[in-house]
């Protein structure tokens, strides 16, 4: 490994963990699956390959939709910038040859699979949700 490799790997391979992540981007592939890129509050990067076109969280956190009667807690469709909790298995640790958003440098990323989405917890840009 070279000293210019950025970031850290998280967890042990083949073990399941609870994560709090922020969705950075989602892209489709020509093979019919989707690539989800995420990071945690420590700026560690994660990637997941999934057959689901959209990630719908089972319920939003209470009070994220205050203008809706009954404190709206229906499904939340994950958007770029949303923070959420999930449980996932660390598939492997990888080194990506591109930085999110451009080919700047190599960085470590943790590859996740068997993702069980749990809860939308908010956004870091001041917005509670785009699903209003």
N, C-alpha and C. Protein backbone atom coordinates (compact mmCIF):
# COMPACT_ATOMS: atom_id res chain seq x y z
N UNK A 1 0.85 -1.17 0.00
CA UNK A 1 0.00 0.00 0.00
C UNK A 1 0.90 1.24 0.00
N UNK A 2 0.48 2.22 -0.73
CA UNK A 2 1.28 3.44 -0.84
C UNK A 2 0.83 4.45 0.21
N UNK A 3 1.73 5.33 0.62
CA UNK A 3 1.34 6.31 1.64
C UNK A 3 0.32 7.33 1.16
N UNK A 4 0.09 7.43 -0.15
CA UNK A 4 -0.88 8.41 -0.65
C UNK A 4 -2.31 7.88 -0.68
N UNK A 5 -2.52 6.67 -0.16
CA UNK A 5 -3.87 6.12 -0.09
C UNK A 5 -4.60 6.76 1.09
N UNK A 6 -5.73 7.40 0.81
CA UNK A 6 -6.48 8.13 1.83
C UNK A 6 -7.51 7.24 2.51
N UNK A 7 -7.90 7.62 3.71
CA UNK A 7 -9.03 7.01 4.39
C UNK A 7 -8.70 5.78 5.21
N UNK A 8 -9.78 5.18 5.74
CA UNK A 8 -9.66 4.01 6.60
C UNK A 8 -10.73 3.00 6.22
N UNK A 9 -10.42 1.72 6.40
CA UNK A 9 -11.42 0.69 6.27
C UNK A 9 -12.15 0.55 7.59
N UNK A 10 -13.39 0.08 7.53
CA UNK A 10 -14.20 -0.06 8.73
C UNK A 10 -14.65 -1.50 8.87
N UNK A 11 -14.54 -2.04 10.08
CA UNK A 11 -15.04 -3.37 10.39
C UNK A 11 -14.17 -4.50 9.88
N UNK A 12 -14.59 -5.70 10.24
CA UNK A 12 -13.91 -6.91 9.78
C UNK A 12 -14.73 -7.54 8.67
N UNK A 13 -14.05 -8.05 7.67
CA UNK A 13 -14.74 -8.66 6.53
C UNK A 13 -15.62 -9.82 7.00
N UNK A 14 -16.80 -9.90 6.38
CA UNK A 14 -17.80 -10.95 6.61
C UNK A 14 -18.54 -10.81 7.93
N UNK A 15 -18.38 -9.69 8.63
CA UNK A 15 -19.13 -9.46 9.86
C UNK A 15 -20.17 -8.37 9.64
N UNK A 16 -21.26 -8.43 10.43
CA UNK A 16 -22.37 -7.48 10.31
C UNK A 16 -22.27 -6.41 11.37
N UNK A 17 -22.60 -5.17 10.96
CA UNK A 17 -22.51 -4.03 11.86
C UNK A 17 -23.69 -3.09 11.64
N UNK A 18 -23.94 -2.25 12.64
CA UNK A 18 -24.87 -1.13 12.49
C UNK A 18 -24.06 0.07 12.04
N UNK A 19 -24.58 0.79 11.04
CA UNK A 19 -23.89 1.95 10.48
C UNK A 19 -24.80 3.17 10.50
N UNK A 20 -24.21 4.34 10.64
CA UNK A 20 -24.88 5.61 10.38
C UNK A 20 -24.12 6.24 9.23
N UNK A 21 -24.80 6.42 8.09
CA UNK A 21 -24.14 6.83 6.86
C UNK A 21 -24.86 7.98 6.19
N UNK A 22 -24.16 8.63 5.29
CA UNK A 22 -24.73 9.67 4.44
C UNK A 22 -24.60 9.21 3.00
N UNK A 23 -25.71 9.23 2.26
CA UNK A 23 -25.68 8.86 0.85
C UNK A 23 -25.04 9.99 0.05
N UNK A 24 -23.99 9.66 -0.69
CA UNK A 24 -23.31 10.66 -1.51
C UNK A 24 -23.90 10.66 -2.91
N UNK A 25 -24.03 9.46 -3.49
CA UNK A 25 -24.59 9.39 -4.84
C UNK A 25 -25.03 7.97 -5.15
N UNK A 26 -25.90 7.88 -6.15
CA UNK A 26 -26.38 6.60 -6.66
C UNK A 26 -26.23 6.64 -8.17
N UNK A 27 -25.69 5.57 -8.75
CA UNK A 27 -25.55 5.49 -10.21
C UNK A 27 -26.04 4.14 -10.69
N UNK A 28 -26.63 4.13 -11.88
CA UNK A 28 -27.04 2.87 -12.48
C UNK A 28 -25.90 2.32 -13.32
N UNK A 29 -25.94 1.02 -13.56
CA UNK A 29 -24.94 0.38 -14.40
C UNK A 29 -25.62 -0.25 -15.60
N UNK A 30 -24.84 -0.60 -16.59
CA UNK A 30 -25.40 -1.25 -17.78
C UNK A 30 -25.81 -2.69 -17.48
N UNK A 31 -25.41 -3.21 -16.35
CA UNK A 31 -25.74 -4.60 -15.98
C UNK A 31 -27.03 -4.70 -15.17
N UNK A 32 -27.70 -3.58 -14.95
CA UNK A 32 -29.00 -3.61 -14.30
C UNK A 32 -28.98 -3.49 -12.79
N UNK A 33 -27.86 -3.16 -12.22
CA UNK A 33 -27.83 -2.92 -10.78
C UNK A 33 -27.38 -1.49 -10.52
N UNK A 34 -27.37 -1.11 -9.26
CA UNK A 34 -27.08 0.28 -8.88
C UNK A 34 -25.91 0.31 -7.91
N UNK A 35 -25.12 1.36 -8.03
CA UNK A 35 -23.97 1.56 -7.16
C UNK A 35 -24.30 2.72 -6.22
N UNK A 36 -24.27 2.44 -4.94
CA UNK A 36 -24.54 3.45 -3.91
C UNK A 36 -23.22 3.79 -3.23
N UNK A 37 -22.90 5.08 -3.20
CA UNK A 37 -21.68 5.54 -2.52
C UNK A 37 -22.08 6.35 -1.29
N UNK A 38 -21.41 6.05 -0.18
CA UNK A 38 -21.76 6.66 1.10
C UNK A 38 -20.50 7.01 1.88
N UNK A 39 -20.69 7.80 2.94
CA UNK A 39 -19.59 8.05 3.87
C UNK A 39 -20.16 8.19 5.27
N UNK A 40 -19.27 8.04 6.27
CA UNK A 40 -19.69 8.23 7.65
C UNK A 40 -19.16 9.56 8.19
N UNK A 41 -19.44 9.85 9.45
CA UNK A 41 -19.06 11.15 10.00
C UNK A 41 -17.55 11.30 10.16
N UNK A 42 -16.81 10.20 10.02
CA UNK A 42 -15.36 10.25 10.11
C UNK A 42 -14.73 10.34 8.72
N UNK A 43 -15.56 10.52 7.70
CA UNK A 43 -15.14 10.63 6.30
C UNK A 43 -14.58 9.33 5.74
N UNK A 44 -15.01 8.19 6.29
CA UNK A 44 -14.68 6.89 5.71
C UNK A 44 -15.69 6.61 4.61
N UNK A 45 -15.22 6.06 3.50
CA UNK A 45 -16.09 5.84 2.35
C UNK A 45 -16.56 4.39 2.27
N UNK A 46 -17.80 4.24 1.77
CA UNK A 46 -18.44 2.95 1.63
C UNK A 46 -19.05 2.87 0.24
N UNK A 47 -19.19 1.65 -0.25
CA UNK A 47 -19.84 1.43 -1.54
C UNK A 47 -20.69 0.18 -1.43
N UNK A 48 -21.82 0.17 -2.11
CA UNK A 48 -22.70 -1.00 -2.14
C UNK A 48 -23.25 -1.17 -3.54
N UNK A 49 -23.35 -2.42 -3.98
CA UNK A 49 -23.95 -2.76 -5.26
C UNK A 49 -25.28 -3.42 -4.95
N UNK A 50 -26.37 -2.88 -5.50
CA UNK A 50 -27.70 -3.31 -5.09
C UNK A 50 -28.63 -3.36 -6.29
N UNK A 51 -29.55 -4.30 -6.29
CA UNK A 51 -30.52 -4.43 -7.37
C UNK A 51 -31.69 -3.47 -7.24
N UNK A 52 -31.85 -2.85 -6.07
CA UNK A 52 -32.95 -1.92 -5.86
C UNK A 52 -32.63 -0.57 -6.48
N UNK A 53 -33.55 -0.09 -7.32
CA UNK A 53 -33.36 1.21 -7.96
C UNK A 53 -33.47 2.35 -6.95
N UNK A 54 -34.31 2.20 -5.96
CA UNK A 54 -34.48 3.22 -4.92
C UNK A 54 -34.34 2.55 -3.57
N UNK A 55 -33.81 3.29 -2.63
CA UNK A 55 -33.76 2.82 -1.25
C UNK A 55 -34.83 3.54 -0.48
N UNK A 56 -35.84 2.80 -0.02
CA UNK A 56 -36.92 3.36 0.78
C UNK A 56 -36.74 2.91 2.22
N UNK A 57 -36.59 3.87 3.10
CA UNK A 57 -36.46 3.55 4.51
C UNK A 57 -37.83 3.26 5.08
N UNK A 58 -37.94 2.31 5.99
CA UNK A 58 -39.26 1.90 6.47
C UNK A 58 -40.04 2.99 7.18
N UNK A 59 -39.38 3.93 7.80
CA UNK A 59 -40.09 5.03 8.47
C UNK A 59 -39.12 6.17 8.70
N UNK A 60 -39.64 7.37 8.67
CA UNK A 60 -38.78 8.52 8.94
C UNK A 60 -38.70 8.74 10.44
N UNK A 61 -37.70 9.44 10.85
CA UNK A 61 -37.56 9.80 12.26
C UNK A 61 -38.68 10.76 12.63
N UNK A 62 -39.21 10.63 13.80
CA UNK A 62 -40.29 11.51 14.25
C UNK A 62 -39.84 12.96 14.17
N UNK A 63 -40.79 13.81 13.82
CA UNK A 63 -40.61 15.26 13.74
C UNK A 63 -39.78 15.72 12.55
N UNK A 64 -39.54 14.86 11.55
CA UNK A 64 -38.84 15.32 10.35
C UNK A 64 -39.80 15.90 9.33
N UNK A 65 -41.08 15.72 9.53
CA UNK A 65 -42.10 16.29 8.64
C UNK A 65 -43.14 17.01 9.50
N UNK A 66 -42.76 18.06 10.22
CA UNK A 66 -43.66 18.67 11.19
C UNK A 66 -44.91 19.31 10.58
N UNK A 67 -44.86 19.69 9.30
CA UNK A 67 -46.03 20.36 8.73
C UNK A 67 -47.13 19.37 8.33
N UNK A 68 -46.84 18.08 8.35
CA UNK A 68 -47.86 17.08 8.02
C UNK A 68 -48.62 16.71 9.29
N UNK A 69 -49.93 16.58 9.13
CA UNK A 69 -50.75 16.19 10.28
C UNK A 69 -50.38 14.79 10.73
N UNK A 70 -50.47 14.56 12.01
CA UNK A 70 -50.20 13.23 12.54
C UNK A 70 -48.72 12.89 12.57
N UNK A 71 -47.85 13.90 12.46
CA UNK A 71 -46.41 13.67 12.51
C UNK A 71 -46.00 12.60 11.51
N UNK A 72 -46.17 12.89 10.24
CA UNK A 72 -45.89 12.01 9.10
C UNK A 72 -44.67 11.12 9.35
N UNK A 73 -44.87 9.82 9.33
CA UNK A 73 -43.77 8.88 9.51
C UNK A 73 -43.84 7.76 8.48
N UNK A 74 -44.26 8.09 7.28
CA UNK A 74 -44.36 7.09 6.22
C UNK A 74 -42.98 6.79 5.66
N UNK A 75 -42.92 5.91 4.66
CA UNK A 75 -41.65 5.56 4.04
C UNK A 75 -40.92 6.81 3.54
N UNK A 76 -39.61 6.75 3.58
CA UNK A 76 -38.77 7.85 3.12
C UNK A 76 -37.87 7.34 2.00
N UNK A 77 -37.97 7.94 0.83
CA UNK A 77 -37.10 7.57 -0.29
C UNK A 77 -35.78 8.32 -0.15
N UNK A 78 -34.71 7.58 -0.01
CA UNK A 78 -33.39 8.16 0.23
C UNK A 78 -32.92 8.99 -0.96
N UNK A 79 -32.44 10.20 -0.66
CA UNK A 79 -31.91 11.13 -1.65
C UNK A 79 -30.44 11.41 -1.33
N UNK A 80 -29.68 11.86 -2.33
CA UNK A 80 -28.30 12.26 -2.08
C UNK A 80 -28.28 13.30 -0.96
N UNK A 81 -27.40 13.11 0.01
CA UNK A 81 -27.29 14.03 1.13
C UNK A 81 -28.03 13.57 2.38
N UNK A 82 -28.89 12.56 2.25
CA UNK A 82 -29.64 12.05 3.41
C UNK A 82 -28.74 11.21 4.30
N UNK A 83 -28.92 11.35 5.60
CA UNK A 83 -28.24 10.52 6.58
C UNK A 83 -29.23 9.48 7.09
N UNK A 84 -28.74 8.27 7.30
CA UNK A 84 -29.63 7.17 7.66
C UNK A 84 -28.86 6.12 8.45
N UNK A 85 -29.62 5.24 9.09
CA UNK A 85 -29.01 4.10 9.77
C UNK A 85 -29.34 2.83 9.01
N UNK A 86 -28.45 1.86 9.13
CA UNK A 86 -28.66 0.57 8.47
C UNK A 86 -27.83 -0.49 9.18
N UNK A 87 -28.12 -1.72 8.84
CA UNK A 87 -27.30 -2.85 9.28
C UNK A 87 -26.80 -3.50 8.01
N UNK A 88 -25.50 -3.80 7.95
CA UNK A 88 -24.93 -4.35 6.72
C UNK A 88 -23.73 -5.24 7.05
N UNK A 89 -23.40 -6.09 6.10
CA UNK A 89 -22.23 -6.95 6.21
C UNK A 89 -21.07 -6.31 5.46
N UNK A 90 -19.90 -6.29 6.08
CA UNK A 90 -18.70 -5.83 5.39
C UNK A 90 -18.27 -6.97 4.46
N UNK A 91 -18.41 -6.75 3.17
CA UNK A 91 -18.06 -7.76 2.18
C UNK A 91 -16.55 -7.85 2.02
N UNK A 92 -15.93 -6.69 1.78
CA UNK A 92 -14.47 -6.66 1.61
C UNK A 92 -13.98 -5.22 1.78
N UNK A 93 -12.69 -5.10 1.87
CA UNK A 93 -12.03 -3.79 1.89
C UNK A 93 -11.35 -3.61 0.56
N UNK A 94 -11.46 -2.41 0.00
CA UNK A 94 -11.05 -2.16 -1.37
C UNK A 94 -10.30 -0.83 -1.43
N UNK A 95 -9.52 -0.66 -2.49
CA UNK A 95 -8.90 0.63 -2.76
C UNK A 95 -9.44 1.11 -4.10
N UNK A 96 -10.11 2.24 -4.08
CA UNK A 96 -10.67 2.83 -5.30
C UNK A 96 -9.63 3.75 -5.91
N UNK A 97 -9.55 3.75 -7.22
CA UNK A 97 -8.57 4.59 -7.92
C UNK A 97 -9.13 5.95 -8.30
N UNK A 98 -10.25 6.31 -7.73
CA UNK A 98 -10.84 7.61 -7.99
C UNK A 98 -11.41 8.13 -6.69
N UNK A 99 -11.49 9.42 -6.58
CA UNK A 99 -12.12 10.03 -5.41
C UNK A 99 -13.55 10.38 -5.81
N UNK A 100 -14.45 10.36 -4.87
CA UNK A 100 -15.84 10.65 -5.18
C UNK A 100 -15.92 12.01 -5.85
N UNK A 101 -16.46 12.02 -7.05
CA UNK A 101 -16.60 13.26 -7.79
C UNK A 101 -15.48 13.50 -8.79
N UNK A 102 -14.42 12.69 -8.78
CA UNK A 102 -13.35 12.89 -9.75
C UNK A 102 -12.14 12.02 -9.47
N UNK A 103 -11.25 11.90 -10.44
CA UNK A 103 -10.08 11.02 -10.31
C UNK A 103 -8.92 11.68 -9.57
N UNK A 104 -9.13 12.14 -8.36
CA UNK A 104 -8.10 12.87 -7.62
C UNK A 104 -7.01 11.98 -7.04
N UNK A 105 -7.41 10.91 -6.35
CA UNK A 105 -6.43 10.10 -5.65
C UNK A 105 -7.03 8.76 -5.28
N UNK A 106 -6.18 7.85 -4.85
CA UNK A 106 -6.64 6.55 -4.36
C UNK A 106 -7.17 6.72 -2.94
N UNK A 107 -8.19 5.96 -2.60
CA UNK A 107 -8.69 5.98 -1.23
C UNK A 107 -9.26 4.63 -0.86
N UNK A 108 -9.26 4.35 0.42
CA UNK A 108 -9.82 3.10 0.93
C UNK A 108 -11.34 3.23 0.98
N UNK A 109 -12.01 2.13 0.65
CA UNK A 109 -13.46 2.10 0.80
C UNK A 109 -13.87 0.73 1.31
N UNK A 110 -14.92 0.72 2.10
CA UNK A 110 -15.47 -0.51 2.65
C UNK A 110 -16.66 -0.90 1.79
N UNK A 111 -16.64 -2.13 1.27
CA UNK A 111 -17.72 -2.62 0.41
C UNK A 111 -18.74 -3.33 1.29
N UNK A 112 -19.99 -2.86 1.22
CA UNK A 112 -21.07 -3.41 2.04
C UNK A 112 -22.03 -4.23 1.19
N UNK A 113 -22.63 -5.25 1.80
CA UNK A 113 -23.73 -5.95 1.16
C UNK A 113 -24.74 -6.37 2.22
N UNK A 114 -25.83 -6.98 1.77
CA UNK A 114 -26.93 -7.38 2.65
C UNK A 114 -27.39 -6.22 3.52
N UNK A 115 -27.66 -5.09 2.89
CA UNK A 115 -28.02 -3.87 3.62
C UNK A 115 -29.49 -3.89 4.01
N UNK A 116 -29.73 -3.74 5.30
CA UNK A 116 -31.09 -3.59 5.82
C UNK A 116 -31.23 -2.14 6.27
N UNK A 117 -32.02 -1.39 5.53
CA UNK A 117 -32.23 0.03 5.83
C UNK A 117 -33.08 0.16 7.08
N UNK A 118 -32.72 1.10 7.93
CA UNK A 118 -33.45 1.26 9.19
C UNK A 118 -34.20 2.57 9.28
N UNK A 119 -33.49 3.70 9.39
CA UNK A 119 -34.18 4.95 9.70
C UNK A 119 -33.51 6.15 9.05
N UNK A 120 -34.33 7.05 8.51
CA UNK A 120 -33.86 8.35 8.04
C UNK A 120 -33.64 9.21 9.27
N UNK A 121 -32.47 9.83 9.38
CA UNK A 121 -32.20 10.63 10.58
C UNK A 121 -31.97 12.10 10.30
N UNK A 122 -31.98 12.51 9.03
CA UNK A 122 -31.87 13.93 8.72
C UNK A 122 -30.84 14.20 7.64
N UNK A 123 -30.53 15.48 7.51
CA UNK A 123 -29.58 15.92 6.49
C UNK A 123 -28.56 16.84 7.14
N UNK A 124 -27.40 16.94 6.52
CA UNK A 124 -26.36 17.82 7.06
C UNK A 124 -26.40 19.20 6.43
N UNK A 125 -27.30 19.40 5.45
CA UNK A 125 -27.36 20.71 4.78
C UNK A 125 -28.48 21.59 5.33
N UNK A 126 -29.09 21.18 6.43
CA UNK A 126 -30.13 21.99 7.05
C UNK A 126 -31.54 21.62 6.65
N UNK A 127 -31.70 20.82 5.59
CA UNK A 127 -33.03 20.38 5.18
C UNK A 127 -33.36 19.08 5.87
N UNK A 128 -34.59 18.93 6.28
CA UNK A 128 -35.00 17.69 6.93
C UNK A 128 -35.26 16.58 5.93
N UNK A 129 -35.80 16.93 4.76
CA UNK A 129 -36.17 15.90 3.80
C UNK A 129 -36.54 16.54 2.48
N UNK A 130 -36.37 15.79 1.39
CA UNK A 130 -36.87 16.23 0.09
C UNK A 130 -38.25 15.63 -0.19
N UNK A 131 -38.72 14.75 0.67
CA UNK A 131 -39.96 14.02 0.42
C UNK A 131 -41.16 14.71 1.05
N UNK A 132 -41.28 15.99 0.87
CA UNK A 132 -42.37 16.71 1.52
C UNK A 132 -43.43 17.13 0.54
